[in-house]
């Protein structure tokens, strides 16, 4: 959500499992919300500026009564997990391997270029065959990976 911040009030410093934190009251669109920052000199919520944030409603119980309050957070960029990075790295290797395998098969004559009526030049036939077979080998390697993960 985006809103123009009408006021930012520093409330207190407190200890958390992440170390010392600073609590602020942020006001916008007639609402009040709590914001926690590692820095007392936070720069995200500034009075008079429009900013983007995530608004969450939370509850707490005091003296047997449940109360609701708003919390605002800075939107985090989507970060890729180490597993996702490793998977992409491995798959980029697969594409190189599959290209190399098809090149070797075409060069040795074990894989013949596929002729179609639309193909005019021999080089086009070889490139089309190369791309098609490389992709098939790549997909096969990815499928083998999926089988190993199970």
N, C-alpha and C. Protein backbone atom coordinates (compact mmCIF):
# COMPACT_ATOMS: atom_id res chain seq x y z
N UNK A 1 0.84 -1.16 0.00
CA UNK A 1 0.00 0.00 0.00
C UNK A 1 0.89 1.22 0.00
N UNK A 2 0.36 2.32 -0.54
CA UNK A 2 1.08 3.59 -0.55
C UNK A 2 0.24 4.63 0.17
N UNK A 3 0.91 5.47 0.93
CA UNK A 3 0.20 6.53 1.63
C UNK A 3 1.18 7.65 1.96
N UNK A 4 0.63 8.84 2.16
CA UNK A 4 1.45 9.97 2.60
C UNK A 4 1.50 9.94 4.12
N UNK A 5 2.68 9.98 4.66
CA UNK A 5 2.87 9.92 6.11
C UNK A 5 2.56 11.29 6.70
N UNK A 6 1.62 11.34 7.65
CA UNK A 6 1.26 12.62 8.26
C UNK A 6 2.08 12.92 9.50
N UNK A 7 2.59 11.88 10.18
CA UNK A 7 3.42 12.11 11.36
C UNK A 7 4.17 10.83 11.73
N UNK A 8 5.36 11.01 12.30
CA UNK A 8 6.16 9.90 12.81
C UNK A 8 6.63 10.30 14.20
N UNK A 9 6.29 9.50 15.21
CA UNK A 9 6.62 9.82 16.59
C UNK A 9 7.48 8.70 17.17
N UNK A 10 8.64 9.06 17.70
CA UNK A 10 9.50 8.07 18.34
C UNK A 10 8.90 7.72 19.68
N UNK A 11 8.78 6.42 19.99
CA UNK A 11 8.17 5.98 21.24
C UNK A 11 9.20 5.51 22.25
N UNK A 12 10.00 4.49 21.87
CA UNK A 12 10.93 3.94 22.87
C UNK A 12 11.95 3.03 22.20
N UNK A 13 12.97 2.69 23.00
CA UNK A 13 13.95 1.68 22.60
C UNK A 13 13.65 0.45 23.44
N UNK A 14 13.77 -0.72 22.81
CA UNK A 14 13.52 -1.95 23.54
C UNK A 14 14.44 -3.05 23.02
N UNK A 15 14.61 -4.08 23.82
CA UNK A 15 15.46 -5.23 23.44
C UNK A 15 14.59 -6.29 22.77
N UNK A 16 15.12 -6.87 21.72
CA UNK A 16 14.45 -7.98 21.04
C UNK A 16 15.47 -9.07 20.76
N UNK A 17 15.03 -10.16 20.17
CA UNK A 17 15.96 -11.23 19.84
C UNK A 17 16.93 -10.80 18.75
N UNK A 18 16.65 -9.68 18.07
CA UNK A 18 17.54 -9.15 17.04
C UNK A 18 18.45 -8.04 17.57
N UNK A 19 18.39 -7.82 18.88
CA UNK A 19 19.19 -6.75 19.48
C UNK A 19 18.31 -5.55 19.80
N UNK A 20 18.92 -4.40 20.08
CA UNK A 20 18.13 -3.21 20.41
C UNK A 20 17.30 -2.74 19.21
N UNK A 21 16.03 -2.41 19.47
CA UNK A 21 15.12 -1.93 18.43
C UNK A 21 14.49 -0.62 18.90
N UNK A 22 13.98 0.13 17.94
CA UNK A 22 13.35 1.42 18.22
C UNK A 22 11.93 1.38 17.68
N UNK A 23 10.98 1.78 18.54
CA UNK A 23 9.57 1.74 18.17
C UNK A 23 9.09 3.14 17.82
N UNK A 24 8.33 3.22 16.72
CA UNK A 24 7.77 4.48 16.25
C UNK A 24 6.27 4.32 16.07
N UNK A 25 5.56 5.44 16.21
CA UNK A 25 4.15 5.48 15.85
C UNK A 25 4.09 6.23 14.53
N UNK A 26 3.52 5.59 13.53
CA UNK A 26 3.41 6.17 12.19
C UNK A 26 1.94 6.49 11.93
N UNK A 27 1.68 7.73 11.48
CA UNK A 27 0.30 8.15 11.20
C UNK A 27 0.15 8.44 9.71
N UNK A 28 -0.95 7.95 9.15
CA UNK A 28 -1.24 8.11 7.72
C UNK A 28 -2.71 7.84 7.49
N UNK A 29 -3.34 8.52 6.58
CA UNK A 29 -4.75 8.30 6.20
C UNK A 29 -5.68 8.17 7.41
N UNK A 30 -5.44 8.93 8.45
CA UNK A 30 -6.27 8.86 9.65
C UNK A 30 -6.03 7.62 10.50
N UNK A 31 -4.99 6.87 10.20
CA UNK A 31 -4.67 5.66 10.96
C UNK A 31 -3.38 5.85 11.74
N UNK A 32 -3.22 5.02 12.77
CA UNK A 32 -1.97 4.97 13.55
C UNK A 32 -1.46 3.55 13.52
N UNK A 33 -0.16 3.40 13.33
CA UNK A 33 0.42 2.06 13.29
C UNK A 33 1.77 2.08 13.99
N UNK A 34 2.19 0.92 14.42
CA UNK A 34 3.49 0.76 15.07
C UNK A 34 4.52 0.34 14.03
N UNK A 35 5.74 0.85 14.16
CA UNK A 35 6.83 0.48 13.27
C UNK A 35 8.08 0.28 14.12
N UNK A 36 8.77 -0.83 13.92
CA UNK A 36 10.01 -1.12 14.63
C UNK A 36 11.18 -1.06 13.67
N UNK A 37 12.25 -0.41 14.14
CA UNK A 37 13.44 -0.24 13.30
C UNK A 37 14.68 -0.52 14.12
N UNK A 38 15.73 -1.01 13.46
CA UNK A 38 17.01 -1.21 14.15
C UNK A 38 17.68 0.14 14.41
N UNK A 39 17.31 1.13 13.61
CA UNK A 39 17.95 2.44 13.71
C UNK A 39 16.98 3.47 14.28
N UNK A 40 17.49 4.28 15.20
CA UNK A 40 16.67 5.35 15.75
C UNK A 40 16.45 6.43 14.69
N UNK A 41 17.37 6.50 13.76
CA UNK A 41 17.32 7.49 12.69
C UNK A 41 16.79 6.84 11.41
N UNK A 42 15.63 6.18 11.49
CA UNK A 42 15.06 5.48 10.34
C UNK A 42 14.68 6.50 9.26
N UNK A 43 14.81 6.07 8.00
CA UNK A 43 14.58 6.98 6.87
C UNK A 43 13.40 6.57 5.98
N UNK A 44 12.74 5.47 6.30
CA UNK A 44 11.67 4.99 5.42
C UNK A 44 10.38 5.78 5.61
N UNK A 45 9.99 6.00 6.85
CA UNK A 45 8.76 6.73 7.13
C UNK A 45 9.13 8.16 7.51
N UNK A 46 8.87 9.08 6.60
CA UNK A 46 9.22 10.49 6.80
C UNK A 46 7.96 11.32 6.66
N UNK A 47 7.73 12.21 7.62
CA UNK A 47 6.54 13.06 7.63
C UNK A 47 6.46 13.86 6.33
N UNK A 48 5.26 13.80 5.71
CA UNK A 48 5.01 14.56 4.49
C UNK A 48 5.38 13.84 3.20
N UNK A 49 6.03 12.69 3.30
CA UNK A 49 6.42 11.96 2.10
C UNK A 49 5.51 10.76 1.88
N UNK A 50 5.28 10.45 0.59
CA UNK A 50 4.52 9.25 0.25
C UNK A 50 5.49 8.08 0.25
N UNK A 51 5.07 6.98 0.86
CA UNK A 51 5.94 5.81 0.92
C UNK A 51 5.11 4.54 0.75
N UNK A 52 5.79 3.49 0.36
CA UNK A 52 5.13 2.20 0.19
C UNK A 52 5.46 1.33 1.39
N UNK A 53 4.45 0.60 1.87
CA UNK A 53 4.64 -0.26 3.03
C UNK A 53 3.57 -1.33 3.06
N UNK A 54 3.76 -2.27 3.97
CA UNK A 54 2.78 -3.35 4.18
C UNK A 54 2.12 -3.09 5.52
N UNK A 55 0.80 -3.13 5.53
CA UNK A 55 0.03 -2.89 6.75
C UNK A 55 -0.52 -4.23 7.24
N UNK A 56 -0.28 -4.54 8.52
CA UNK A 56 -0.79 -5.78 9.11
C UNK A 56 -1.56 -5.46 10.37
N UNK A 57 -2.64 -6.19 10.56
CA UNK A 57 -3.41 -6.04 11.79
C UNK A 57 -3.02 -7.17 12.73
N UNK A 58 -2.68 -6.80 13.96
CA UNK A 58 -2.27 -7.79 14.96
C UNK A 58 -3.19 -7.65 16.18
N UNK A 59 -3.16 -8.68 17.03
CA UNK A 59 -3.97 -8.64 18.24
C UNK A 59 -3.11 -8.98 19.46
N UNK A 60 -3.54 -8.48 20.60
CA UNK A 60 -2.90 -8.85 21.86
C UNK A 60 -3.99 -8.93 22.93
N UNK A 61 -3.69 -9.67 23.99
CA UNK A 61 -4.65 -9.84 25.07
C UNK A 61 -4.09 -9.19 26.33
N UNK A 62 -4.87 -8.29 26.94
CA UNK A 62 -4.48 -7.63 28.19
C UNK A 62 -5.68 -7.64 29.12
N UNK A 63 -5.48 -8.18 30.30
CA UNK A 63 -6.54 -8.29 31.30
C UNK A 63 -7.76 -9.04 30.75
N UNK A 64 -7.49 -10.07 29.96
CA UNK A 64 -8.56 -10.89 29.42
C UNK A 64 -9.29 -10.29 28.23
N UNK A 65 -8.90 -9.09 27.81
CA UNK A 65 -9.55 -8.45 26.66
C UNK A 65 -8.62 -8.47 25.46
N UNK A 66 -9.19 -8.81 24.34
CA UNK A 66 -8.41 -8.84 23.10
C UNK A 66 -8.50 -7.47 22.43
N UNK A 67 -7.35 -6.93 22.06
CA UNK A 67 -7.30 -5.64 21.37
C UNK A 67 -6.53 -5.79 20.06
N UNK A 68 -6.88 -4.94 19.11
CA UNK A 68 -6.22 -4.97 17.80
C UNK A 68 -5.39 -3.71 17.61
N UNK A 69 -4.31 -3.88 16.85
CA UNK A 69 -3.48 -2.72 16.50
C UNK A 69 -2.85 -2.96 15.14
N UNK A 70 -2.38 -1.88 14.52
CA UNK A 70 -1.77 -1.97 13.20
C UNK A 70 -0.25 -1.92 13.30
N UNK A 71 0.39 -2.67 12.44
CA UNK A 71 1.84 -2.67 12.32
C UNK A 71 2.16 -2.39 10.86
N UNK A 72 3.14 -1.52 10.61
CA UNK A 72 3.59 -1.29 9.23
C UNK A 72 4.99 -1.83 9.07
N UNK A 73 5.25 -2.38 7.88
CA UNK A 73 6.55 -2.96 7.59
C UNK A 73 7.01 -2.49 6.22
N UNK A 74 8.31 -2.47 6.04
CA UNK A 74 8.89 -2.14 4.75
C UNK A 74 8.79 -3.38 3.87
N UNK A 75 8.31 -3.24 2.64
CA UNK A 75 8.25 -4.42 1.78
C UNK A 75 9.64 -4.92 1.45
N UNK A 76 9.84 -6.22 1.59
CA UNK A 76 11.14 -6.82 1.31
C UNK A 76 11.17 -7.27 -0.14
N UNK A 77 12.31 -7.13 -0.77
CA UNK A 77 12.47 -7.64 -2.13
C UNK A 77 12.44 -9.16 -2.05
N UNK A 78 11.90 -9.75 -3.10
CA UNK A 78 11.87 -11.21 -3.14
C UNK A 78 13.29 -11.72 -3.27
N UNK A 79 13.71 -12.45 -2.31
CA UNK A 79 15.05 -13.00 -2.34
C UNK A 79 14.98 -14.48 -2.65
N UNK A 80 15.95 -14.92 -3.38
CA UNK A 80 15.97 -16.32 -3.78
C UNK A 80 16.75 -17.12 -2.74
N UNK A 81 16.22 -18.28 -2.42
CA UNK A 81 16.90 -19.14 -1.46
C UNK A 81 18.17 -19.70 -2.06
N UNK A 82 19.05 -20.18 -1.20
CA UNK A 82 20.28 -20.80 -1.69
C UNK A 82 19.97 -22.02 -2.55
N UNK A 83 18.90 -22.74 -2.21
CA UNK A 83 18.52 -23.90 -3.01
C UNK A 83 18.14 -23.45 -4.42
N UNK A 84 17.36 -22.38 -4.52
CA UNK A 84 16.95 -21.88 -5.83
C UNK A 84 18.13 -21.42 -6.66
N UNK A 85 19.09 -20.76 -6.01
CA UNK A 85 20.29 -20.33 -6.72
C UNK A 85 21.10 -21.52 -7.20
N UNK A 86 21.25 -22.52 -6.34
CA UNK A 86 22.01 -23.72 -6.71
C UNK A 86 21.33 -24.46 -7.86
N UNK A 87 20.00 -24.52 -7.82
CA UNK A 87 19.25 -25.20 -8.87
C UNK A 87 19.45 -24.50 -10.21
N UNK A 88 19.38 -23.17 -10.22
CA UNK A 88 19.58 -22.44 -11.46
C UNK A 88 21.00 -22.62 -11.97
N UNK A 89 21.96 -22.63 -11.07
CA UNK A 89 23.35 -22.82 -11.46
C UNK A 89 23.54 -24.20 -12.09
N UNK A 90 22.93 -25.21 -11.46
CA UNK A 90 23.04 -26.58 -11.98
C UNK A 90 22.36 -26.68 -13.35
N UNK A 91 21.21 -26.05 -13.49
CA UNK A 91 20.50 -26.11 -14.77
C UNK A 91 21.24 -25.35 -15.86
N UNK A 92 21.98 -24.29 -15.50
CA UNK A 92 22.77 -23.61 -16.52
C UNK A 92 23.90 -24.53 -16.99
N UNK A 93 24.42 -25.35 -16.09
CA UNK A 93 25.41 -26.35 -16.50
C UNK A 93 24.80 -27.36 -17.46
N UNK A 94 23.55 -27.77 -17.16
CA UNK A 94 22.87 -28.72 -18.01
C UNK A 94 22.76 -28.20 -19.44
N UNK A 95 22.43 -26.92 -19.58
CA UNK A 95 22.28 -26.38 -20.93
C UNK A 95 23.59 -26.46 -21.67
N UNK A 96 24.70 -26.18 -20.99
CA UNK A 96 26.01 -26.29 -21.63
C UNK A 96 26.34 -27.73 -22.00
N UNK A 97 26.05 -28.65 -21.08
CA UNK A 97 26.30 -30.08 -21.34
C UNK A 97 25.49 -30.56 -22.54
N UNK A 98 24.19 -30.21 -22.53
CA UNK A 98 23.32 -30.71 -23.60
C UNK A 98 23.74 -30.14 -24.95
N UNK A 99 24.14 -28.87 -25.00
CA UNK A 99 24.64 -28.29 -26.25
C UNK A 99 25.88 -29.05 -26.73
N UNK A 100 26.76 -29.33 -25.81
CA UNK A 100 28.01 -30.02 -26.14
C UNK A 100 27.74 -31.44 -26.63
N UNK A 101 26.82 -32.14 -25.96
CA UNK A 101 26.50 -33.51 -26.36
C UNK A 101 25.95 -33.55 -27.79
N UNK A 102 25.02 -32.65 -28.08
CA UNK A 102 24.42 -32.63 -29.41
C UNK A 102 25.46 -32.26 -30.47
N UNK A 103 26.34 -31.31 -30.16
CA UNK A 103 27.42 -30.95 -31.10
C UNK A 103 28.28 -32.17 -31.40
N UNK A 104 28.64 -32.89 -30.34
CA UNK A 104 29.47 -34.09 -30.54
C UNK A 104 28.73 -35.15 -31.37
N UNK A 105 27.44 -35.34 -31.09
CA UNK A 105 26.66 -36.32 -31.85
C UNK A 105 26.52 -35.92 -33.32
N UNK A 106 26.29 -34.63 -33.58
CA UNK A 106 26.19 -34.16 -34.97
C UNK A 106 27.54 -34.28 -35.68
N UNK A 107 28.61 -33.90 -34.98
CA UNK A 107 29.95 -33.95 -35.59
C UNK A 107 30.36 -35.38 -35.92
N UNK A 108 30.02 -36.33 -35.06
CA UNK A 108 30.42 -37.73 -35.28
C UNK A 108 29.53 -38.43 -36.29
N UNK A 109 28.42 -37.82 -36.62
CA UNK A 109 27.50 -38.45 -37.57
C UNK A 109 26.51 -39.39 -36.92
N UNK A 110 26.54 -39.53 -35.58
CA UNK A 110 25.58 -40.39 -34.90
C UNK A 110 24.18 -39.78 -34.88
N UNK A 111 24.11 -38.45 -34.96
CA UNK A 111 22.83 -37.74 -35.01
C UNK A 111 22.76 -37.05 -36.36
N UNK A 112 21.72 -37.37 -37.10
CA UNK A 112 21.56 -36.81 -38.44
C UNK A 112 20.64 -35.60 -38.37
N UNK A 113 20.95 -34.55 -39.14
CA UNK A 113 20.05 -33.40 -39.21
C UNK A 113 18.68 -33.82 -39.70
N UNK A 114 17.65 -33.23 -39.10
CA UNK A 114 16.28 -33.56 -39.49
C UNK A 114 15.86 -32.64 -40.63
N UNK A 115 15.53 -33.22 -41.76
CA UNK A 115 15.15 -32.45 -42.93
C UNK A 115 13.66 -32.20 -42.94
N UNK A 116 13.28 -30.97 -43.23
CA UNK A 116 11.87 -30.64 -43.42
C UNK A 116 11.77 -29.85 -44.71
N UNK A 117 10.58 -29.74 -45.25
CA UNK A 117 10.38 -29.01 -46.51
C UNK A 117 10.71 -27.54 -46.36
N UNK A 118 10.53 -26.98 -45.16
CA UNK A 118 10.76 -25.56 -44.96
C UNK A 118 12.25 -25.21 -44.87
N UNK A 119 13.10 -26.20 -44.59
CA UNK A 119 14.53 -25.93 -44.44
C UNK A 119 15.16 -25.74 -45.82
N UNK A 120 15.92 -24.66 -45.94
CA UNK A 120 16.54 -24.38 -47.22
C UNK A 120 18.03 -24.67 -47.21
N UNK A 121 18.71 -24.19 -46.23
CA UNK A 121 20.17 -24.35 -46.20
C UNK A 121 20.56 -25.42 -45.20
N UNK A 122 21.65 -26.10 -45.47
CA UNK A 122 22.15 -27.15 -44.59
C UNK A 122 22.44 -26.61 -43.19
N UNK A 123 22.99 -25.40 -43.09
CA UNK A 123 23.30 -24.82 -41.78
C UNK A 123 22.05 -24.63 -40.94
N UNK A 124 20.94 -24.21 -41.59
CA UNK A 124 19.68 -24.06 -40.87
C UNK A 124 19.20 -25.40 -40.31
N UNK A 125 19.35 -26.44 -41.10
CA UNK A 125 18.92 -27.77 -40.67
C UNK A 125 19.72 -28.22 -39.45
N UNK A 126 21.02 -28.00 -39.49
CA UNK A 126 21.89 -28.40 -38.37
C UNK A 126 21.54 -27.59 -37.12
N UNK A 127 21.32 -26.29 -37.26
CA UNK A 127 21.01 -25.44 -36.10
C UNK A 127 19.67 -25.85 -35.49
N UNK A 128 18.67 -26.09 -36.33
CA UNK A 128 17.35 -26.49 -35.82
C UNK A 128 17.46 -27.82 -35.09
N UNK A 129 18.15 -28.78 -35.68
CA UNK A 129 18.34 -30.08 -35.03
C UNK A 129 19.07 -29.92 -33.71
N UNK A 130 20.13 -29.11 -33.72
CA UNK A 130 20.94 -28.87 -32.54
C UNK A 130 20.09 -28.33 -31.41
N UNK A 131 19.31 -27.29 -31.69
CA UNK A 131 18.48 -26.66 -30.66
C UNK A 131 17.43 -27.63 -30.12
N UNK A 132 16.79 -28.35 -31.03
CA UNK A 132 15.74 -29.29 -30.62
C UNK A 132 16.30 -30.40 -29.74
N UNK A 133 17.36 -31.01 -30.16
CA UNK A 133 17.95 -32.11 -29.40
C UNK A 133 18.56 -31.62 -28.08
N UNK A 134 19.17 -30.44 -28.11
CA UNK A 134 19.75 -29.88 -26.88
C UNK A 134 18.67 -29.68 -25.83
N UNK A 135 17.53 -29.16 -26.27
CA UNK A 135 16.43 -28.93 -25.35
C UNK A 135 15.90 -30.25 -24.79
N UNK A 136 15.80 -31.25 -25.63
CA UNK A 136 15.34 -32.56 -25.16
C UNK A 136 16.28 -33.16 -24.13
N UNK A 137 17.57 -33.03 -24.37
CA UNK A 137 18.56 -33.55 -23.40
C UNK A 137 18.49 -32.75 -22.11
N UNK A 138 18.37 -31.42 -22.23
CA UNK A 138 18.25 -30.56 -21.05
C UNK A 138 17.04 -30.98 -20.21
N UNK A 139 15.88 -31.14 -20.85
CA UNK A 139 14.68 -31.55 -20.12
C UNK A 139 14.87 -32.89 -19.44
N UNK A 140 15.53 -33.81 -20.12
CA UNK A 140 15.80 -35.13 -19.54
C UNK A 140 16.66 -35.00 -18.28
N UNK A 141 17.68 -34.15 -18.32
CA UNK A 141 18.55 -33.97 -17.16
C UNK A 141 17.78 -33.36 -15.99
N UNK A 142 16.88 -32.43 -16.28
CA UNK A 142 16.05 -31.82 -15.23
C UNK A 142 15.12 -32.88 -14.63
N UNK A 143 14.53 -33.71 -15.45
CA UNK A 143 13.66 -34.79 -14.96
C UNK A 143 14.43 -35.76 -14.06
N UNK A 144 15.66 -36.07 -14.47
CA UNK A 144 16.49 -36.96 -13.63
C UNK A 144 16.75 -36.33 -12.27
N UNK A 145 16.99 -35.02 -12.24
CA UNK A 145 17.17 -34.30 -10.99
C UNK A 145 15.93 -34.42 -10.10
N UNK A 146 14.75 -34.24 -10.68
CA UNK A 146 13.50 -34.33 -9.92
C UNK A 146 13.33 -35.71 -9.31
N UNK A 147 13.72 -36.74 -10.08
CA UNK A 147 13.62 -38.11 -9.57
C UNK A 147 14.55 -38.30 -8.38
N UNK A 148 15.74 -37.71 -8.44
CA UNK A 148 16.70 -37.84 -7.34
C UNK A 148 16.22 -37.13 -6.06
N UNK A 149 15.47 -36.03 -6.23
CA UNK A 149 15.00 -35.25 -5.08
C UNK A 149 13.92 -35.97 -4.30
N UNK A 150 13.22 -36.91 -4.95
CA UNK A 150 12.10 -37.60 -4.29
C UNK A 150 12.54 -38.59 -3.28
